[in-house]
Every structure is written in C-alpha cells, then in structure tokens.
Amino acid sequence: MTWLDEEHSEWMREIKRRYRCAQSRAAVKVNSEQLLFCWISGGPVGEQLRAT
C-alpha cells in the first residue's frame, strides 16, 4: 500500500465512524421524542378509556 492509499483508508474509516455516530445520535433523539409523545398522549387516552 502506498502512503496515499493508507491516508485515504484512514480518511474513509473516519468518515464511516462519524456517519455511524450521527446515525446513533439521530436514533436516540427519535426514540426519545417518540417515548415523550407516547407518555404525553397516554394520559388523556387512559382517561378516555376509564370514562367509558
């Protein structure tokens, strides 16, 4: 492998690592928002079910 190939490989590994980190952060944010939505909307839904 030449120096340029090694540098390119390292650069690609770093890009992939950053991409995976961004995916993980996005998934955590989406899951948090979904959980909050379910928690907030669950109260009124539960009250409606108990009332019927």
N, C-alpha and C. Protein backbone atom coordinates (compact mmCIF):
# COMPACT_ATOMS: atom_id res chain seq x y z
N MET A 1 0.84 -1.17 0.00
CA MET A 1 0.00 0.00 0.00
C MET A 1 0.89 1.25 0.00
N THR A 2 0.51 2.19 -0.76
CA THR A 2 1.29 3.44 -0.77
C THR A 2 0.81 4.35 0.35
N TRP A 3 1.57 5.38 0.58
CA TRP A 3 1.22 6.36 1.61
C TRP A 3 -0.15 6.98 1.34
N LEU A 4 -0.43 7.29 0.07
CA LEU A 4 -1.70 7.90 -0.30
C LEU A 4 -2.85 6.94 -0.05
N ASP A 5 -2.66 5.66 -0.35
CA ASP A 5 -3.69 4.66 -0.10
C ASP A 5 -3.99 4.54 1.40
N GLU A 6 -2.94 4.56 2.22
CA GLU A 6 -3.13 4.48 3.67
C GLU A 6 -3.86 5.71 4.19
N GLU A 7 -3.51 6.86 3.68
CA GLU A 7 -4.17 8.09 4.10
C GLU A 7 -5.64 8.08 3.70
N HIS A 8 -5.91 7.62 2.50
CA HIS A 8 -7.29 7.53 2.03
C HIS A 8 -8.08 6.54 2.88
N SER A 9 -7.49 5.41 3.19
CA SER A 9 -8.17 4.40 4.01
C SER A 9 -8.51 4.95 5.39
N GLU A 10 -7.56 5.65 5.98
CA GLU A 10 -7.80 6.25 7.29
C GLU A 10 -8.91 7.30 7.21
N TRP A 11 -8.90 8.10 6.17
CA TRP A 11 -9.93 9.12 5.97
C TRP A 11 -11.30 8.47 5.83
N MET A 12 -11.38 7.37 5.08
CA MET A 12 -12.65 6.67 4.89
C MET A 12 -13.13 6.06 6.22
N ARG A 13 -12.23 5.51 7.01
CA ARG A 13 -12.61 4.96 8.31
C ARG A 13 -13.20 6.06 9.20
N GLU A 14 -12.59 7.22 9.17
CA GLU A 14 -13.07 8.33 9.98
C GLU A 14 -14.45 8.80 9.51
N ILE A 15 -14.65 8.88 8.21
CA ILE A 15 -15.95 9.27 7.65
C ILE A 15 -17.02 8.26 8.08
N LYS A 16 -16.71 6.98 7.98
CA LYS A 16 -17.66 5.94 8.38
C LYS A 16 -17.98 6.02 9.87
N ARG A 17 -16.96 6.26 10.69
CA ARG A 17 -17.16 6.37 12.13
C ARG A 17 -18.08 7.54 12.45
N ARG A 18 -17.83 8.68 11.83
CA ARG A 18 -18.66 9.86 12.07
C ARG A 18 -20.10 9.62 11.62
N TYR A 19 -20.26 8.93 10.49
CA TYR A 19 -21.60 8.63 9.98
C TYR A 19 -22.36 7.73 10.96
N ARG A 20 -21.70 6.69 11.46
CA ARG A 20 -22.35 5.79 12.42
C ARG A 20 -22.71 6.53 13.70
N CYS A 21 -21.84 7.41 14.16
CA CYS A 21 -22.14 8.20 15.37
C CYS A 21 -23.36 9.09 15.14
N ALA A 22 -23.41 9.72 13.97
CA ALA A 22 -24.56 10.58 13.65
C ALA A 22 -25.84 9.76 13.58
N GLN A 23 -25.78 8.57 13.01
CA GLN A 23 -26.95 7.69 12.96
C GLN A 23 -27.42 7.34 14.36
N SER A 24 -26.48 7.02 15.23
CA SER A 24 -26.83 6.65 16.61
C SER A 24 -27.48 7.82 17.34
N ARG A 25 -26.90 9.00 17.19
CA ARG A 25 -27.48 10.18 17.85
C ARG A 25 -28.89 10.46 17.32
N ALA A 26 -29.09 10.31 16.03
CA ALA A 26 -30.41 10.54 15.43
C ALA A 26 -31.42 9.51 15.96
N ALA A 27 -31.02 8.26 16.05
CA ALA A 27 -31.91 7.21 16.55
C ALA A 27 -32.30 7.48 18.00
N VAL A 28 -31.35 7.89 18.81
CA VAL A 28 -31.64 8.19 20.21
C VAL A 28 -32.63 9.36 20.31
N LYS A 29 -32.42 10.38 19.52
CA LYS A 29 -33.31 11.55 19.53
C LYS A 29 -34.73 11.15 19.11
N VAL A 30 -34.84 10.38 18.03
CA VAL A 30 -36.16 9.95 17.56
C VAL A 30 -36.84 9.10 18.62
N ASN A 31 -36.12 8.16 19.21
CA ASN A 31 -36.71 7.30 20.23
C ASN A 31 -37.15 8.11 21.45
N SER A 32 -36.37 9.09 21.83
CA SER A 32 -36.73 9.95 22.96
C SER A 32 -38.00 10.72 22.68
N GLU A 33 -38.08 11.30 21.50
CA GLU A 33 -39.27 12.06 21.13
C GLU A 33 -40.50 11.17 21.04
N GLN A 34 -40.33 9.96 20.51
CA GLN A 34 -41.45 9.03 20.41
C GLN A 34 -41.93 8.62 21.80
N LEU A 35 -41.00 8.36 22.70
CA LEU A 35 -41.36 7.98 24.06
C LEU A 35 -42.09 9.13 24.75
N LEU A 36 -41.59 10.35 24.58
CA LEU A 36 -42.25 11.52 25.18
C LEU A 36 -43.66 11.68 24.62
N PHE A 37 -43.81 11.53 23.32
CA PHE A 37 -45.13 11.64 22.70
C PHE A 37 -46.09 10.59 23.29
N CYS A 38 -45.63 9.36 23.38
CA CYS A 38 -46.48 8.29 23.91
C CYS A 38 -46.83 8.56 25.38
N TRP A 39 -45.88 9.05 26.14
CA TRP A 39 -46.10 9.35 27.55
C TRP A 39 -47.14 10.46 27.70
N ILE A 40 -46.99 11.53 26.92
CA ILE A 40 -47.91 12.67 27.00
C ILE A 40 -49.30 12.28 26.50
N SER A 41 -49.37 11.59 25.40
CA SER A 41 -50.68 11.25 24.83
C SER A 41 -51.33 10.09 25.58
N GLY A 42 -50.56 9.32 26.31
CA GLY A 42 -51.13 8.19 27.03
C GLY A 42 -52.04 8.60 28.17
N GLY A 43 -51.76 9.72 28.80
CA GLY A 43 -52.59 10.20 29.91
C GLY A 43 -54.01 10.44 29.47
N PRO A 44 -54.22 11.31 28.47
CA PRO A 44 -55.59 11.57 28.00
C PRO A 44 -56.28 10.33 27.44
N VAL A 45 -55.54 9.46 26.77
CA VAL A 45 -56.14 8.23 26.22
C VAL A 45 -56.61 7.35 27.37
N GLY A 46 -55.78 7.19 28.39
CA GLY A 46 -56.16 6.39 29.54
C GLY A 46 -57.40 6.94 30.24
N GLU A 47 -57.47 8.25 30.37
CA GLU A 47 -58.64 8.87 31.00
C GLU A 47 -59.89 8.61 30.18
N GLN A 48 -59.78 8.69 28.87
CA GLN A 48 -60.92 8.42 27.98
C GLN A 48 -61.39 6.97 28.16
N LEU A 49 -60.45 6.04 28.23
CA LEU A 49 -60.81 4.63 28.36
C LEU A 49 -61.48 4.36 29.71
N ARG A 50 -60.99 4.99 30.76
CA ARG A 50 -61.59 4.78 32.08
C ARG A 50 -62.98 5.41 32.15
N ALA A 51 -63.23 6.46 31.39
CA ALA A 51 -64.51 7.15 31.42
C ALA A 51 -65.61 6.35 30.70
N THR A 52 -65.21 5.46 29.80
CA THR A 52 -66.22 4.72 29.02
C THR A 52 -66.54 3.39 29.65
